[in-house]
Amino acid sequence: MSQAATTATPTTPPVLDRLFGLSKSGSTVRTEFVAGLTTFLTMVYIVFVNPQILSNAGMDKGAVREHGFFGPSMRPAEWTETPK
């Protein structure tokens, strides 16, 4: 009787983990997805609801929308970790 040789193949991490080093930083794809969704929903609120509220207080709706969109959306681009 011969025993089949079993070879242990090293497991390769998922693509997103390899690109962003998620497991190295103690995160998971699910955590990052939920964080991204939360950020997106917050931005939607800021861009569409905040100008309406502030225009009722007498501020220019277009100026508030423009500031609400361009201010917060440019800052994370400077801080984010891009793929290696």
C-alpha atoms as a PDB file:
ATOM      1  CA  MET A   1       0.000   0.000   0.000  1.00  0.00           C
ATOM      2  CA  SER A   2       1.222   3.425  -0.860  1.00  0.00           C
ATOM      3  CA  GLN A   3       0.224   6.559   0.838  1.00  0.00           C
ATOM      4  CA  ALA A   4      -0.536   9.567  -1.292  1.00  0.00           C
ATOM      5  CA  ALA A   5       1.848  12.381  -0.619  1.00  0.00           C
ATOM      6  CA  THR A   6       0.050  15.349   0.764  1.00  0.00           C
ATOM      7  CA  THR A   7       1.555  18.672   0.040  1.00  0.00           C
ATOM      8  CA  ALA A   8       0.511  21.680   1.981  1.00  0.00           C
ATOM      9  CA  THR A   9       0.007  24.572  -0.358  1.00  0.00           C
ATOM     10  CA  PRO A  10       0.387  27.974   1.186  1.00  0.00           C
ATOM     11  CA  THR A  11      -2.824  29.933   1.109  1.00  0.00           C
ATOM     12  CA  THR A  12      -2.676  33.217  -0.698  1.00  0.00           C
ATOM     13  CA  PRO A  13      -4.582  36.090   0.847  1.00  0.00           C
ATOM     14  CA  PRO A  14      -7.525  37.559  -1.069  1.00  0.00           C
ATOM     15  CA  VAL A  15      -6.832  40.239  -3.656  1.00  0.00           C
ATOM     16  CA  LEU A  16      -8.062  43.163  -1.533  1.00  0.00           C
ATOM     17  CA  ASP A  17      -5.942  41.973   1.381  1.00  0.00           C
ATOM     18  CA  ARG A  18      -2.861  41.814  -0.838  1.00  0.00           C
ATOM     19  CA  LEU A  19      -3.522  45.259  -2.323  1.00  0.00           C
ATOM     20  CA  PHE A  20      -4.307  47.138   0.879  1.00  0.00           C
ATOM     21  CA  GLY A  21      -2.701  44.983   3.585  1.00  0.00           C
ATOM     22  CA  LEU A  22      -5.968  44.612   5.518  1.00  0.00           C
ATOM     23  CA  SER A  23      -4.963  41.679   7.737  1.00  0.00           C
ATOM     24  CA  LYS A  24      -1.643  43.341   8.491  1.00  0.00           C
ATOM     25  CA  SER A  25      -3.514  46.365   9.857  1.00  0.00           C
ATOM     26  CA  GLY A  26      -6.021  44.182  11.746  1.00  0.00           C
ATOM     27  CA  SER A  27      -9.002  44.845   9.484  1.00  0.00           C
ATOM     28  CA  THR A  28     -11.289  42.777   7.264  1.00  0.00           C
ATOM     29  CA  VAL A  29     -12.989  43.347   3.925  1.00  0.00           C
ATOM     30  CA  ARG A  30     -16.367  43.501   5.704  1.00  0.00           C
ATOM     31  CA  THR A  31     -15.155  46.169   8.137  1.00  0.00           C
ATOM     32  CA  GLU A  32     -13.772  48.277   5.300  1.00  0.00           C
ATOM     33  CA  PHE A  33     -16.991  47.865   3.283  1.00  0.00           C
ATOM     34  CA  VAL A  34     -19.156  49.005   6.210  1.00  0.00           C
ATOM     35  CA  ALA A  35     -16.823  51.958   6.829  1.00  0.00           C
ATOM     36  CA  GLY A  36     -17.004  52.960   3.169  1.00  0.00           C
ATOM     37  CA  LEU A  37     -20.791  52.696   3.128  1.00  0.00           C
ATOM     38  CA  THR A  38     -21.023  54.808   6.273  1.00  0.00           C
ATOM     39  CA  THR A  39     -18.772  57.450   4.728  1.00  0.00           C
ATOM     40  CA  PHE A  40     -20.842  57.453   1.527  1.00  0.00           C
ATOM     41  CA  LEU A  41     -24.125  57.892   3.382  1.00  0.00           C
ATOM     42  CA  THR A  42     -22.625  60.698   5.463  1.00  0.00           C
ATOM     43  CA  MET A  43     -21.481  62.477   2.308  1.00  0.00           C
ATOM     44  CA  VAL A  44     -24.943  62.126   0.764  1.00  0.00           C
ATOM     45  CA  TYR A  45     -26.411  63.763   3.850  1.00  0.00           C
ATOM     46  CA  ILE A  46     -23.870  66.586   3.787  1.00  0.00           C
ATOM     47  CA  VAL A  47     -24.255  67.291   0.072  1.00  0.00           C
ATOM     48  CA  PHE A  48     -28.053  67.134  -0.191  1.00  0.00           C
ATOM     49  CA  VAL A  49     -29.644  67.735   3.228  1.00  0.00           C
ATOM     50  CA  ASN A  50     -27.284  70.226   4.849  1.00  0.00           C
ATOM     51  CA  PRO A  51     -27.685  72.921   2.143  1.00  0.00           C
ATOM     52  CA  GLN A  52     -31.453  72.801   2.569  1.00  0.00           C
ATOM     53  CA  ILE A  53     -31.171  73.244   6.323  1.00  0.00           C
ATOM     54  CA  LEU A  54     -28.622  76.065   6.078  1.00  0.00           C
ATOM     55  CA  SER A  55     -30.519  77.857   3.284  1.00  0.00           C
ATOM     56  CA  ASN A  56     -33.513  78.052   5.630  1.00  0.00           C
ATOM     57  CA  ALA A  57     -31.183  79.920   7.992  1.00  0.00           C
ATOM     58  CA  GLY A  58     -30.426  82.484   5.273  1.00  0.00           C
ATOM     59  CA  MET A  59     -27.251  81.115   3.675  1.00  0.00           C
ATOM     60  CA  ASP A  60     -26.835  80.755  -0.086  1.00  0.00           C
ATOM     61  CA  LYS A  61     -27.871  77.204  -1.016  1.00  0.00           C
ATOM     62  CA  GLY A  62     -25.428  76.870  -3.935  1.00  0.00           C
ATOM     63  CA  ALA A  63     -22.448  78.064  -1.910  1.00  0.00           C
ATOM     64  CA  VAL A  64     -23.243  75.696   0.953  1.00  0.00           C
ATOM     65  CA  ARG A  65     -23.663  72.748  -1.428  1.00  0.00           C
ATOM     66  CA  GLU A  66     -20.415  73.528  -3.206  1.00  0.00           C
ATOM     67  CA  HIS A  67     -18.495  73.812   0.056  1.00  0.00           C
ATOM     68  CA  GLY A  68     -20.166  70.686   1.436  1.00  0.00           C
ATOM     69  CA  PHE A  69     -19.177  68.694  -1.616  1.00  0.00           C
ATOM     70  CA  PHE A  70     -15.680  69.874  -2.428  1.00  0.00           C
ATOM     71  CA  GLY A  71     -14.357  70.403   1.094  1.00  0.00           C
ATOM     72  CA  PRO A  72     -14.896  66.940   2.589  1.00  0.00           C
ATOM     73  CA  SER A  73     -14.419  65.013  -0.665  1.00  0.00           C
ATOM     74  CA  MET A  74     -10.925  66.328  -1.316  1.00  0.00           C
ATOM     75  CA  ARG A  75      -9.518  65.807   2.182  1.00  0.00           C
ATOM     76  CA  PRO A  76      -9.796  61.966   2.337  1.00  0.00           C
ATOM     77  CA  ALA A  77      -8.011  61.718  -1.006  1.00  0.00           C
ATOM     78  CA  GLU A  78      -4.950  63.190   0.678  1.00  0.00           C
ATOM     79  CA  TRP A  79      -5.083  60.812   3.659  1.00  0.00           C
ATOM     80  CA  THR A  80      -6.076  57.490   2.084  1.00  0.00           C
ATOM     81  CA  GLU A  81      -3.778  54.529   1.700  1.00  0.00           C
ATOM     82  CA  THR A  82      -3.505  53.739  -1.973  1.00  0.00           C
ATOM     83  CA  PRO A  83      -2.732  50.255  -3.340  1.00  0.00           C
ATOM     84  CA  LYS A  84       0.917  49.323  -3.295  1.00  0.00           C
END
